[in-house]
């Protein structure tokens, strides 16, 4: 039960990042990376600001965490993401050998699970989904409703 509480509290931190993206008129996805119960990286989508389709929250968080650790592997880290990663981000997560992936809302249009291919992630990466899924999903729904 302790880990669930921890997962929820860390996902709330990722939601804070997603809110920053929302406020900046970016698709509201937030990510944090945790190592030994300490947040070492925070990120949100920057695709509009940077005019870069690869500037997803996950990619930004991987880069920041790798810089913090001075190494490219995140096998002792957990990433919390408000939305299921896309295939591009799942590939980057695999290459980083992330220890654990926790995400909130499913992405039924572009999420990596659409491939029905568990092998996209590193074989040792543990996955947990649905943490604060309603809150995470509601922020994205609100964003796209405002766009229409």
Protein backbone atom coordinates (compact mmCIF):
# COMPACT_ATOMS: atom_id res chain seq x y z
CA UNK A 1 0.00 0.00 0.00
CA UNK A 2 2.89 2.35 0.74
CA UNK A 3 4.09 2.19 -2.88
CA UNK A 4 0.60 3.05 -4.18
CA UNK A 5 0.53 6.17 -2.01
CA UNK A 6 3.99 7.03 -3.27
CA UNK A 7 2.97 6.42 -6.88
CA UNK A 8 -0.02 8.72 -6.43
CA UNK A 9 2.04 11.48 -4.84
CA UNK A 10 4.65 11.30 -7.59
CA UNK A 11 1.93 11.26 -10.26
CA UNK A 12 0.55 14.45 -8.70
CA UNK A 13 3.97 16.00 -9.36
CA UNK A 14 3.75 14.86 -12.98
CA UNK A 15 0.27 16.44 -13.13
CA UNK A 16 1.82 19.75 -12.02
CA UNK A 17 4.09 19.52 -15.06
CA UNK A 18 1.12 18.70 -17.29
CA UNK A 19 -0.64 21.81 -15.97
CA UNK A 20 2.39 23.89 -16.98
CA UNK A 21 2.03 22.51 -20.51
CA UNK A 22 -1.71 23.25 -20.47
CA UNK A 23 -1.04 26.84 -19.37
CA UNK A 24 1.50 27.22 -22.20
CA UNK A 25 -1.02 25.90 -24.78
CA UNK A 26 0.93 22.66 -25.18
CA UNK A 27 -0.73 19.24 -25.09
CA UNK A 28 -0.83 18.74 -21.32
CA UNK A 29 1.48 15.83 -20.65
CA UNK A 30 3.86 15.90 -17.72
CA UNK A 31 6.64 13.57 -16.63
CA UNK A 32 8.98 13.22 -13.70
CA UNK A 33 11.85 10.84 -13.04
CA UNK A 34 12.43 9.53 -9.53
CA UNK A 35 15.58 7.85 -8.28
CA UNK A 36 15.85 6.58 -4.70
CA UNK A 37 12.61 8.41 -3.77
CA UNK A 38 13.99 11.75 -5.03
CA UNK A 39 12.71 13.63 -8.08
CA UNK A 40 15.71 14.12 -10.35
CA UNK A 41 13.92 15.40 -13.47
CA UNK A 42 10.72 17.28 -14.30
CA UNK A 43 9.39 17.93 -17.78
CA UNK A 44 6.34 18.66 -19.88
CA UNK A 45 5.58 18.84 -23.57
CA UNK A 46 7.48 21.56 -25.41
CA UNK A 47 6.64 20.67 -29.02
CA UNK A 48 4.97 24.01 -29.79
CA UNK A 49 7.49 26.20 -28.00
CA UNK A 50 10.49 24.44 -29.54
CA UNK A 51 8.77 23.71 -32.88
CA UNK A 52 10.03 20.15 -32.43
CA UNK A 53 7.80 17.09 -32.78
CA UNK A 54 10.19 15.08 -30.60
CA UNK A 55 9.99 17.46 -27.62
CA UNK A 56 7.57 15.24 -25.69
CA UNK A 57 7.59 15.32 -21.89
CA UNK A 58 9.16 11.86 -21.72
CA UNK A 59 12.03 12.79 -24.04
CA UNK A 60 12.72 15.96 -22.05
CA UNK A 61 12.62 14.00 -18.77
CA UNK A 62 14.98 11.30 -20.03
CA UNK A 63 17.52 13.91 -21.12
CA UNK A 64 17.28 15.81 -17.82
CA UNK A 65 17.59 12.62 -15.74
CA UNK A 66 20.56 11.35 -17.77
CA UNK A 67 22.27 14.71 -17.32
CA UNK A 68 21.58 14.63 -13.57
CA UNK A 69 23.00 11.11 -13.25
CA UNK A 70 25.84 11.72 -15.74
CA UNK A 71 24.89 8.51 -17.49
CA UNK A 72 22.48 7.34 -20.16
CA UNK A 73 20.85 4.44 -18.31
CA UNK A 74 17.93 4.96 -15.96
CA UNK A 75 17.65 1.36 -14.75
CA UNK A 76 17.38 2.45 -11.10
CA UNK A 77 14.74 5.09 -11.86
CA UNK A 78 10.98 5.33 -12.15
CA UNK A 79 9.30 7.63 -14.64
CA UNK A 80 5.81 8.94 -13.92
CA UNK A 81 3.91 10.16 -16.98
CA UNK A 82 0.37 11.50 -17.08
CA UNK A 83 -0.37 9.82 -20.44
CA UNK A 84 0.63 6.46 -21.87
CA UNK A 85 3.79 7.00 -23.93
CA UNK A 86 3.69 6.99 -27.71
CA UNK A 87 5.83 4.54 -29.66
CA UNK A 88 8.66 7.08 -30.07
CA UNK A 89 8.83 7.75 -26.34
CA UNK A 90 8.47 4.06 -25.48
CA UNK A 91 11.48 3.40 -27.70
CA UNK A 92 13.51 6.05 -25.90
CA UNK A 93 12.39 4.62 -22.56
CA UNK A 94 13.61 1.20 -23.74
CA UNK A 95 16.99 2.56 -24.81
CA UNK A 96 17.34 4.30 -21.43
CA UNK A 97 16.64 0.91 -19.76
CA UNK A 98 14.17 2.53 -17.38
CA UNK A 99 13.60 0.50 -14.22
CA UNK A 100 9.90 1.28 -13.86
CA UNK A 101 7.30 3.14 -15.90
CA UNK A 102 4.13 4.46 -14.25
CA UNK A 103 1.53 6.22 -16.35
CA UNK A 104 -1.89 7.69 -15.72
CA UNK A 105 -4.35 7.83 -18.61
CA UNK A 106 -4.28 5.42 -21.53
CA UNK A 107 -3.71 6.87 -24.99
CA UNK A 108 -6.18 4.99 -27.15
CA UNK A 109 -5.08 6.76 -30.34
CA UNK A 110 -1.26 6.79 -30.18
CA UNK A 111 -0.14 4.86 -27.10
CA UNK A 112 2.52 2.19 -27.38
CA UNK A 113 0.10 -0.51 -26.18
CA UNK A 114 -1.71 -0.23 -29.51
CA UNK A 115 1.11 -2.32 -30.95
CA UNK A 116 0.21 -5.19 -28.61
CA UNK A 117 3.93 -5.62 -28.38
CA UNK A 118 5.41 -5.82 -24.89
CA UNK A 119 8.88 -6.10 -26.37
CA UNK A 120 9.00 -2.40 -27.23
CA UNK A 121 10.15 -1.67 -23.67
CA UNK A 122 13.28 -3.06 -22.07
CA UNK A 123 12.54 -6.58 -20.77
CA UNK A 124 13.34 -5.58 -17.18
CA UNK A 125 11.16 -2.44 -17.17
CA UNK A 126 8.25 -2.84 -14.78
CA UNK A 127 5.03 -1.13 -15.91
CA UNK A 128 2.14 0.22 -13.86
CA UNK A 129 -0.81 2.00 -15.46
CA UNK A 130 -3.95 3.80 -14.39
CA UNK A 131 -2.47 5.82 -11.52
CA UNK A 132 -4.72 8.89 -11.18
CA UNK A 133 -6.05 8.03 -14.65
CA UNK A 134 -9.21 10.12 -14.26
CA UNK A 135 -7.34 13.28 -13.26
CA UNK A 136 -4.74 12.77 -15.98
CA UNK A 137 -7.35 12.06 -18.64
CA UNK A 138 -9.59 14.96 -17.61
CA UNK A 139 -6.80 17.50 -18.12
CA UNK A 140 -6.20 16.28 -21.67
CA UNK A 141 -9.94 16.15 -22.46
CA UNK A 142 -10.38 19.71 -21.19
CA UNK A 143 -7.46 20.89 -23.31
CA UNK A 144 -8.87 19.43 -26.53
CA UNK A 145 -12.42 20.61 -25.77
CA UNK A 146 -11.06 24.15 -25.52
CA UNK A 147 -9.35 23.69 -28.89
CA UNK A 148 -12.58 22.74 -30.65
